[in-house]
Amino acid sequence: MPIWEKRNQLPFQEKLQREMARVGLDAMLLILPENIYYSTGYASNFAYITGEVGRTVAVVPAEGKCGVVCGEFEKLAAESCGDIEVNAYPMWMYIEDYCRGREKMDIVPDLNKTFRIAMEMLNLRPGAKLGIEYAAMPHTKFEYLAEVVGRENLVDCMPVMVECRKIKTPWEIEVMREAARVDDTVMRKIMPMIDVGMTECEVANLFHRLAYEESKELTNVVQVHTLGADFSPVMIFRHKPLQPGDICRLDGSTNVACYSSDIARTFAVGGSVLPERQHIFDTLLRAQDKAFSMIGPGVPFADVFNEMQKFISSEIPGFIRGHYGHSLGCGRDAEELPRISTMPGCFEPNMIFCVEFPYYSSRNHNYNIEDEILITENGIEQLTFTNRSLFVK
C-alpha cells in the first residue's frame, strides 16, 4: 500500500478541533496548500502549483467533518482522500462528466465563489469566531470575509496550525522517516561522485536522478547548493565548473507524500583544505555535537540557541545567526515553525527538527552540517546518518 493511503483523517481533525476549542474558534477557513493538506489530507495540485489563492480552500468546523471546496476538475482527487466533505463548483473547462446540458461556462475563475460556498458549508451563527491565515490572506478576500462575518470576528488561526503541526502523528513520523531515509541515501551516494570540473547544474541533476531512483513515492525534490565562492543560492542552476580548492555546501530535501526531509553536508574538491577553512568546519561540527547533547523534551529552544551562539562566536569571532535549526513537516517547503532560536517554547516528544550549522563566505566559501532528529520521551533519535565529516576529494 502506498504510504499516503495509510493516512487516517480522524487524528488530524480531532487535534485541530481540540485546539480550536481551547482558543475559542468556531471554525477555520484555510487557503495555504500545506494547511489544506494537513486539515483534510487533500494535496491540491492547483493550490500547490498555481499558488492562486481561493481556487481551493479547506473548512474546519468546531464539530463534524472537515471539508474541501474545489473546482470540478479536482473533485475525484479530493473525494479519494477519505472522510471529508467535498463541495465542487463548475469551472471554465469542459469535463464531460459534469458539463452536459450546460449552456454557459465561466471565462475566468470566480475566486470569491469558493469563499461563498465555504461560508455556506460552515453556516456560522452571528458573532461566531472564524479563523483565517492573516499572513496569507489577500486584502480583497479579507475584506469579503469581514463583510460576511464582521471584522471583529476574524481571528488569525496560524498559531492554531503551528501548535497542531509541530507535534507529529505516528503516520507523519512514518512518512518523515521514509523521506529522511531517501535524502540520507542520496547524500551518501552523491558525495563521492562530485569532483573538480562538475557544474552546479550537473550536481543538481545528479541529486534529482538519484532521489527518484531511490523511491517511487517522491512528490518533490529540492536542492539549495552553494558551490565555492558563490554563496547565494539560485533557482536556475549555473554551468560554472568546480575548481580545485572549492568548499561546497550540498543541501537537499526529498519530499514523500508532501512531507519534507532536510540534510546538508560539506565537501571540498582538489585534495586539500586550508587550515582556516578546516577550523571553520570543525567548529560547526563540534557545535552540532553540543546541540545534540543538549536537546531533549522540556529543554527551551532559547537555551540551545544561546549556548550555540556563545560557543561558535568564541571560535569564529563575529559569527552571529538567527536560528540553529527548524521544524519541518507537511508542505513542499522544508522549513516550518518552531525554530531553534530565541522564540518561546520547548522541545516536546514527537517533534521533528533539523539541526543545522551553515557558514557563508566569498573568501572561505560555504559550509553546512544539517541533520534530522525526532524528539523522544528521553532525548533524541537521529533520522539521518551520512558521515558528517568534511568530505575531501
Protein backbone atom coordinates (compact mmCIF):
# COMPACT_ATOMS: atom_id res chain seq x y z
CA MET A 1 0.00 0.00 0.00
CA PRO A 2 1.40 3.46 -0.88
CA ILE A 3 2.38 5.30 2.27
CA TRP A 4 -0.06 8.18 1.70
CA GLU A 5 -3.01 5.76 1.62
CA LYS A 6 -2.31 4.82 5.24
CA ARG A 7 -3.27 8.31 6.45
CA ASN A 8 -6.23 8.42 8.84
CA GLN A 9 -8.11 11.72 8.79
CA LEU A 10 -9.61 11.47 12.29
CA PRO A 11 -6.48 12.20 14.38
CA PHE A 12 -5.84 15.39 12.39
CA GLN A 13 -9.45 16.53 12.66
CA GLU A 14 -9.62 15.85 16.39
CA LYS A 15 -6.31 17.61 17.09
CA LEU A 16 -7.43 20.73 15.19
CA GLN A 17 -10.84 20.84 16.85
CA ARG A 18 -9.34 20.43 20.35
CA GLU A 19 -7.01 23.37 19.76
CA MET A 20 -9.81 25.45 18.24
CA ALA A 21 -11.95 24.81 21.34
CA ARG A 22 -9.05 25.80 23.59
CA VAL A 23 -8.63 29.20 21.91
CA GLY A 24 -12.34 29.85 21.26
CA LEU A 25 -12.59 29.44 17.49
CA ASP A 26 -15.88 28.30 15.93
CA ALA A 27 -14.41 27.45 12.52
CA MET A 28 -11.39 27.91 10.27
CA LEU A 29 -11.17 28.70 6.56
CA LEU A 30 -7.75 27.72 5.22
CA ILE A 31 -6.06 28.73 1.95
CA LEU A 32 -2.39 27.71 2.29
CA PRO A 33 -1.73 24.43 0.44
CA GLU A 34 0.05 22.84 3.39
CA ASN A 35 -2.78 23.72 5.77
CA ILE A 36 -5.42 22.44 3.33
CA TYR A 37 -3.44 19.22 3.17
CA TYR A 38 -2.90 18.95 6.92
CA SER A 39 -6.57 19.52 7.75
CA THR A 40 -8.13 17.33 5.05
CA GLY A 41 -5.49 15.02 3.55
CA TYR A 42 -6.03 16.63 0.15
CA ALA A 43 -2.84 17.89 -1.52
CA SER A 44 -4.39 20.21 -4.08
CA ASN A 45 -2.41 20.33 -7.31
CA PHE A 46 -3.94 23.71 -8.12
CA ALA A 47 -3.13 25.17 -4.70
CA TYR A 48 0.49 23.96 -4.78
CA ILE A 49 1.31 24.60 -8.43
CA THR A 50 -0.58 27.77 -9.33
CA GLY A 51 -0.43 29.44 -5.93
CA GLU A 52 -3.72 31.12 -6.82
CA VAL A 53 -5.39 31.95 -3.52
CA GLY A 54 -9.02 30.96 -3.27
CA ARG A 55 -9.27 28.37 -6.02
CA THR A 56 -9.22 25.61 -3.40
CA VAL A 57 -9.97 26.11 0.29
CA ALA A 58 -10.47 23.93 3.36
CA VAL A 59 -13.05 24.38 6.10
CA VAL A 60 -12.66 23.11 9.65
CA PRO A 61 -15.83 23.33 11.77
CA ALA A 62 -15.85 23.15 15.56
CA GLU A 63 -17.60 19.78 15.25
CA GLY A 64 -18.03 17.30 12.43
CA LYS A 65 -16.04 16.60 9.30
CA CYS A 66 -13.51 18.91 7.73
CA GLY A 67 -14.19 19.84 4.13
CA VAL A 68 -12.72 20.99 0.83
CA VAL A 69 -14.17 23.45 -1.67
CA CYS A 70 -12.59 22.92 -5.08
CA GLY A 71 -13.29 23.05 -8.78
CA GLU A 72 -14.89 20.08 -10.53
CA PHE A 73 -11.53 19.24 -12.10
CA GLU A 74 -10.23 18.35 -8.61
CA LYS A 75 -13.39 16.66 -7.32
CA LEU A 76 -12.42 13.00 -7.82
CA ALA A 77 -8.98 13.50 -6.29
CA ALA A 78 -10.42 15.29 -3.25
CA GLU A 79 -13.07 12.61 -2.73
CA SER A 80 -10.39 9.90 -2.75
CA CYS A 81 -8.84 11.35 0.42
CA GLY A 82 -11.31 9.74 2.77
CA ASP A 83 -13.63 11.03 5.44
CA ILE A 84 -14.08 14.67 4.41
CA GLU A 85 -16.84 16.76 2.84
CA VAL A 86 -16.19 17.81 -0.76
CA ASN A 87 -18.11 20.61 -2.44
CA ALA A 88 -17.09 21.15 -6.08
CA TYR A 89 -18.04 24.15 -8.23
CA PRO A 90 -18.32 24.42 -12.06
CA MET A 91 -15.18 25.58 -13.82
CA TRP A 92 -14.29 27.15 -17.16
CA MET A 93 -13.07 23.88 -18.68
CA TYR A 94 -15.10 21.18 -20.39
CA ILE A 95 -15.42 17.97 -18.35
CA GLU A 96 -17.81 15.52 -19.96
CA ASP A 97 -18.97 14.08 -16.64
CA TYR A 98 -20.29 17.46 -15.46
CA CYS A 99 -20.84 19.70 -18.48
CA ARG A 100 -23.66 18.01 -20.41
CA GLY A 101 -26.64 20.31 -20.61
CA ARG A 102 -24.78 23.43 -19.53
CA GLU A 103 -25.24 26.45 -21.77
CA LYS A 104 -22.63 28.78 -20.26
CA MET A 105 -19.11 28.43 -18.80
CA ASP A 106 -17.01 30.80 -16.72
CA ILE A 107 -14.31 32.51 -18.79
CA VAL A 108 -12.06 33.03 -15.78
CA PRO A 109 -12.42 31.51 -12.30
CA ASP A 110 -14.52 33.45 -9.81
CA LEU A 111 -12.25 33.05 -6.80
CA ASN A 112 -14.80 34.52 -4.37
CA LYS A 113 -17.05 31.60 -5.29
CA THR A 114 -15.05 29.21 -3.10
CA PHE A 115 -15.36 31.55 -0.12
CA ARG A 116 -19.14 31.84 -0.58
CA ILE A 117 -19.50 28.05 -0.75
CA ALA A 118 -17.23 27.60 2.26
CA MET A 119 -19.29 30.01 4.36
CA GLU A 120 -22.47 28.16 3.33
CA MET A 121 -20.88 24.87 4.42
CA LEU A 122 -19.91 26.33 7.81
CA ASN A 123 -23.29 28.05 8.37
CA LEU A 124 -21.91 30.10 11.25
CA ARG A 125 -24.14 31.75 13.84
CA PRO A 126 -23.93 35.55 14.23
CA GLY A 127 -20.89 36.52 16.27
CA ALA A 128 -19.04 33.27 15.62
CA LYS A 129 -15.25 33.49 15.52
CA LEU A 130 -13.71 32.49 12.18
CA GLY A 131 -10.02 31.63 11.96
CA ILE A 132 -8.12 32.66 8.82
CA GLU A 133 -4.42 32.78 7.90
CA TYR A 134 -3.77 36.51 8.25
CA ALA A 135 -0.30 36.48 6.70
CA ALA A 136 -1.52 34.64 3.59
CA MET A 137 -4.97 36.18 3.06
CA PRO A 138 -5.12 38.76 0.22
CA HIS A 139 -6.70 42.07 1.13
CA THR A 140 -9.71 41.63 -1.17
CA LYS A 141 -10.53 38.22 0.33
CA PHE A 142 -10.07 39.57 3.86
CA GLU A 143 -12.50 42.40 3.13
CA TYR A 144 -15.05 39.95 1.72
CA LEU A 145 -14.91 37.80 4.86
CA ALA A 146 -15.00 40.87 7.10
CA GLU A 147 -18.23 41.91 5.39
CA VAL A 148 -19.75 38.43 5.81
CA VAL A 149 -18.87 37.68 9.45
CA GLY A 150 -17.77 41.06 10.83
CA ARG A 151 -14.21 42.28 11.06
CA GLU A 152 -14.25 41.83 14.83
CA ASN A 153 -14.97 38.11 14.39
CA LEU A 154 -11.96 37.32 12.20
CA VAL A 155 -9.07 35.74 14.13
CA ASP A 156 -5.59 34.76 12.96
CA CYS A 157 -5.50 30.95 13.08
CA MET A 158 -1.84 30.47 12.17
CA PRO A 159 -0.94 29.89 15.86
CA VAL A 160 -3.50 27.04 15.89
CA MET A 161 -1.95 25.45 12.82
CA VAL A 162 1.59 25.79 14.20
CA GLU A 163 0.54 24.30 17.54
CA CYS A 164 -1.09 21.30 15.86
CA ARG A 165 1.52 20.71 13.16
CA LYS A 166 4.55 20.85 15.47
CA ILE A 167 3.69 17.52 17.17
CA LYS A 168 3.69 14.70 14.62
CA THR A 169 1.21 11.82 14.49
CA PRO A 170 2.52 8.24 14.18
CA TRP A 171 1.67 8.31 10.46
CA GLU A 172 3.55 11.57 9.96
CA ILE A 173 6.59 10.12 11.71
CA GLU A 174 6.47 7.06 9.44
CA VAL A 175 6.31 9.26 6.34
CA MET A 176 9.09 11.53 7.52
CA ARG A 177 11.31 8.57 8.37
CA GLU A 178 10.98 7.46 4.76
CA ALA A 179 11.69 10.95 3.41
CA ALA A 180 14.77 11.17 5.65
CA ARG A 181 15.92 7.71 4.53
CA VAL A 182 15.74 8.72 0.87
CA ASP A 183 17.52 12.04 1.47
CA ASP A 184 20.20 10.35 3.56
CA THR A 185 20.78 7.63 0.96
CA VAL A 186 21.06 10.13 -1.89
CA MET A 187 23.53 12.24 0.07
CA ARG A 188 25.66 9.20 0.85
CA LYS A 189 25.72 8.19 -2.83
CA ILE A 190 26.37 11.61 -4.31
CA MET A 191 29.26 12.74 -2.10
CA PRO A 192 32.00 10.59 -3.71
CA MET A 193 30.63 11.38 -7.20
CA ILE A 194 31.26 15.15 -7.02
CA ASP A 195 34.62 16.31 -8.35
CA VAL A 196 36.56 19.13 -9.98
CA GLY A 197 35.01 20.19 -13.29
CA MET A 198 31.40 19.33 -12.42
CA THR A 199 28.95 22.20 -12.70
CA GLU A 200 26.21 23.29 -10.34
CA CYS A 201 23.69 22.13 -12.94
CA GLU A 202 25.27 18.67 -13.13
CA VAL A 203 25.28 18.33 -9.33
CA ALA A 204 21.59 19.29 -9.17
CA ASN A 205 20.58 16.90 -11.95
CA LEU A 206 22.55 14.09 -10.31
CA PHE A 207 20.81 14.69 -6.97
CA HIS A 208 17.40 14.60 -8.68
CA ARG A 209 18.18 11.40 -10.58
CA LEU A 210 19.48 9.55 -7.53
CA ALA A 211 16.44 10.62 -5.48
CA TYR A 212 13.86 9.40 -7.98
CA GLU A 213 15.80 6.16 -8.46
CA GLU A 214 15.73 5.58 -4.69
CA SER A 215 11.98 5.96 -4.12
CA LYS A 216 8.79 5.67 -6.15
CA GLU A 217 6.87 7.71 -3.55
CA LEU A 218 8.60 11.07 -4.02
CA THR A 219 6.39 14.10 -4.61
CA ASN A 220 9.17 16.67 -4.90
CA VAL A 221 12.95 17.18 -4.73
CA VAL A 222 14.60 20.47 -3.78
CA GLN A 223 18.28 21.39 -3.59
CA VAL A 224 19.92 24.57 -2.40
CA HIS A 225 23.55 24.05 -3.39
CA THR A 226 26.14 26.78 -2.97
CA LEU A 227 29.45 25.95 -4.61
CA GLY A 228 32.79 27.63 -3.97
CA ALA A 229 32.75 31.42 -3.56
CA ASP A 230 29.14 31.72 -4.82
CA PHE A 231 27.25 31.68 -1.51
CA SER A 232 23.88 32.88 -2.91
CA PRO A 233 21.51 30.03 -3.85
CA VAL A 234 19.90 30.22 -7.29
CA MET A 235 16.72 28.95 -8.90
CA ILE A 236 18.37 28.38 -12.29
CA PHE A 237 21.46 26.24 -11.79
CA ARG A 238 24.63 27.50 -13.47
CA HIS A 239 27.23 25.83 -15.66
CA LYS A 240 30.24 27.20 -13.81
CA PRO A 241 32.63 24.28 -13.10
CA LEU A 242 34.02 23.41 -9.68
CA GLN A 243 37.65 24.49 -9.22
CA PRO A 244 40.40 22.87 -7.12
CA GLY A 245 40.14 24.16 -3.56
CA ASP A 246 36.40 24.91 -3.69
CA ILE A 247 34.43 24.27 -0.47
CA CYS A 248 30.83 23.45 -1.28
CA ARG A 249 27.57 23.10 0.58
CA LEU A 250 25.15 20.44 -0.62
CA ASP A 251 21.69 20.92 0.93
CA GLY A 252 18.94 18.61 -0.25
CA SER A 253 15.30 17.93 0.57
CA THR A 254 13.28 14.98 -0.68
CA ASN A 255 9.53 15.02 -0.21
CA VAL A 256 7.39 11.92 0.40
CA ALA A 257 3.59 12.23 0.50
CA CYS A 258 4.09 16.01 0.70
CA TYR A 259 6.28 15.73 3.83
CA SER A 260 9.82 17.09 3.60
CA SER A 261 13.19 15.95 4.81
CA ASP A 262 16.32 18.10 5.02
CA ILE A 263 20.01 17.21 5.17
CA ALA A 264 23.21 19.09 4.33
CA ARG A 265 26.85 18.12 4.00
CA THR A 266 30.05 19.95 3.12
CA PHE A 267 32.69 18.77 0.68
CA ALA A 268 35.98 20.02 -0.73
CA VAL A 269 37.39 19.28 -4.17
CA GLY A 270 41.01 19.39 -5.21
CA GLY A 271 42.57 17.26 -2.49
CA SER A 272 43.49 19.77 0.23
CA VAL A 273 41.83 22.22 2.63
CA LEU A 274 43.30 25.44 4.02
CA PRO A 275 43.75 25.40 7.84
CA GLU A 276 41.35 28.33 8.37
CA ARG A 277 38.63 26.56 6.42
CA GLN A 278 39.19 23.31 8.31
CA HIS A 279 38.84 25.24 11.58
CA ILE A 280 35.52 26.72 10.46
CA PHE A 281 34.16 23.29 9.60
CA ASP A 282 35.45 21.66 12.80
CA THR A 283 33.80 24.39 14.88
CA LEU A 284 30.43 23.83 13.18
CA LEU A 285 30.69 20.07 13.69
CA ARG A 286 31.53 20.48 17.38
CA ALA A 287 28.59 22.85 17.74
CA GLN A 288 26.20 20.29 16.29
CA ASP A 289 27.53 17.65 18.69
CA LYS A 290 26.92 20.06 21.58
CA ALA A 291 23.38 20.73 20.35
CA PHE A 292 22.61 17.01 20.14
CA SER A 293 23.79 16.58 23.72
CA MET A 294 21.52 19.40 24.95
CA ILE A 295 18.28 18.77 23.04
CA GLY A 296 15.54 16.79 24.73
CA PRO A 297 11.94 17.11 25.96
CA GLY A 298 11.39 20.18 28.14
CA VAL A 299 14.56 21.98 27.02
CA PRO A 300 13.81 25.57 25.89
CA PHE A 301 14.72 26.42 22.30
CA ALA A 302 16.43 29.57 23.57
CA ASP A 303 18.78 27.63 25.87
CA VAL A 304 20.17 25.64 22.94
CA PHE A 305 20.35 28.72 20.71
CA ASN A 306 22.19 30.83 23.28
CA GLU A 307 24.73 28.10 24.02
CA MET A 308 25.39 27.56 20.31
CA GLN A 309 25.83 31.28 19.73
CA LYS A 310 28.22 31.55 22.65
CA PHE A 311 30.34 28.59 21.55
CA ILE A 312 30.63 29.37 17.83
CA SER A 313 31.37 33.08 18.36
CA SER A 314 34.16 32.12 20.77
CA GLU A 315 35.81 30.11 17.96
CA ILE A 316 34.81 32.31 15.00
CA PRO A 317 34.78 35.93 16.22
CA GLY A 318 31.85 37.94 14.93
CA PHE A 319 29.74 34.92 13.98
CA ILE A 320 26.02 35.50 14.52
CA ARG A 321 22.90 33.77 13.26
CA GLY A 322 19.12 33.92 13.74
CA HIS A 323 18.47 30.22 14.38
CA TYR A 324 20.25 26.86 14.51
CA GLY A 325 17.50 24.66 13.12
CA HIS A 326 13.84 24.38 12.40
CA SER A 327 10.87 22.08 12.50
CA LEU A 328 9.69 20.53 9.26
CA GLY A 329 6.65 18.61 8.12
CA CYS A 330 3.91 18.82 5.52
CA GLY A 331 4.29 21.03 2.51
CA ARG A 332 6.91 21.48 -0.18
CA ASP A 333 8.88 23.97 1.91
CA ALA A 334 11.43 22.18 4.10
CA GLU A 335 11.11 24.70 6.95
CA GLU A 336 8.31 25.42 9.37
CA LEU A 337 7.91 26.70 12.92
CA PRO A 338 9.12 26.39 15.61
CA ARG A 339 12.83 27.22 15.24
CA ILE A 340 15.82 26.70 17.50
CA SER A 341 16.06 30.38 18.31
CA THR A 342 15.10 32.88 20.97
CA MET A 343 11.41 32.23 20.27
CA PRO A 344 9.41 30.96 23.26
CA GLY A 345 8.79 27.24 23.63
CA CYS A 346 10.44 23.94 24.45
CA PHE A 347 11.24 20.70 22.66
CA GLU A 348 8.45 18.14 23.06
CA PRO A 349 8.16 14.43 22.24
CA ASN A 350 7.21 13.67 18.61
CA MET A 351 8.54 16.93 17.26
CA ILE A 352 10.88 16.57 14.28
CA PHE A 353 13.68 19.10 13.80
CA CYS A 354 16.57 19.78 11.52
CA VAL A 355 19.62 20.93 13.47
CA GLU A 356 21.83 22.98 11.16
CA PHE A 357 25.05 24.98 11.23
CA PRO A 358 25.71 26.92 7.99
CA TYR A 359 28.52 29.36 7.24
CA TYR A 360 28.75 31.51 4.10
CA SER A 361 31.72 33.48 2.78
CA SER A 362 33.03 34.56 -0.62
CA ARG A 363 36.54 34.24 0.85
CA ASN A 364 36.21 30.97 2.78
CA HIS A 365 33.32 29.52 0.76
CA ASN A 366 30.24 27.63 2.03
CA TYR A 367 29.54 25.07 4.74
CA ASN A 368 26.57 23.36 6.34
CA ILE A 369 26.07 20.38 8.60
CA GLU A 370 22.37 19.60 8.90
CA ASP A 371 20.65 16.54 10.30
CA GLU A 372 17.11 15.49 11.07
CA ILE A 373 16.11 14.33 14.56
CA LEU A 374 12.98 13.07 16.29
CA ILE A 375 12.38 14.23 19.86
CA THR A 376 11.62 11.20 22.04
CA GLU A 377 10.43 10.82 25.63
CA ASN A 378 14.03 10.53 26.80
CA GLY A 379 16.11 12.53 24.31
CA ILE A 380 16.52 12.38 20.55
CA GLU A 381 16.57 9.80 17.76
CA GLN A 382 18.68 10.68 14.75
CA LEU A 383 16.96 10.14 11.38
CA THR A 384 19.92 10.91 9.09
CA PHE A 385 23.25 9.12 9.36
CA THR A 386 25.54 10.02 6.44
CA ASN A 387 29.10 10.71 7.60
CA ARG A 388 29.24 14.31 8.82
CA SER A 389 32.96 14.86 8.28
CA LEU A 390 34.26 17.31 5.70
CA PHE A 391 34.39 15.19 2.55
CA VAL A 392 37.64 15.87 0.71
CA LYS A 393 38.23 14.64 -2.83
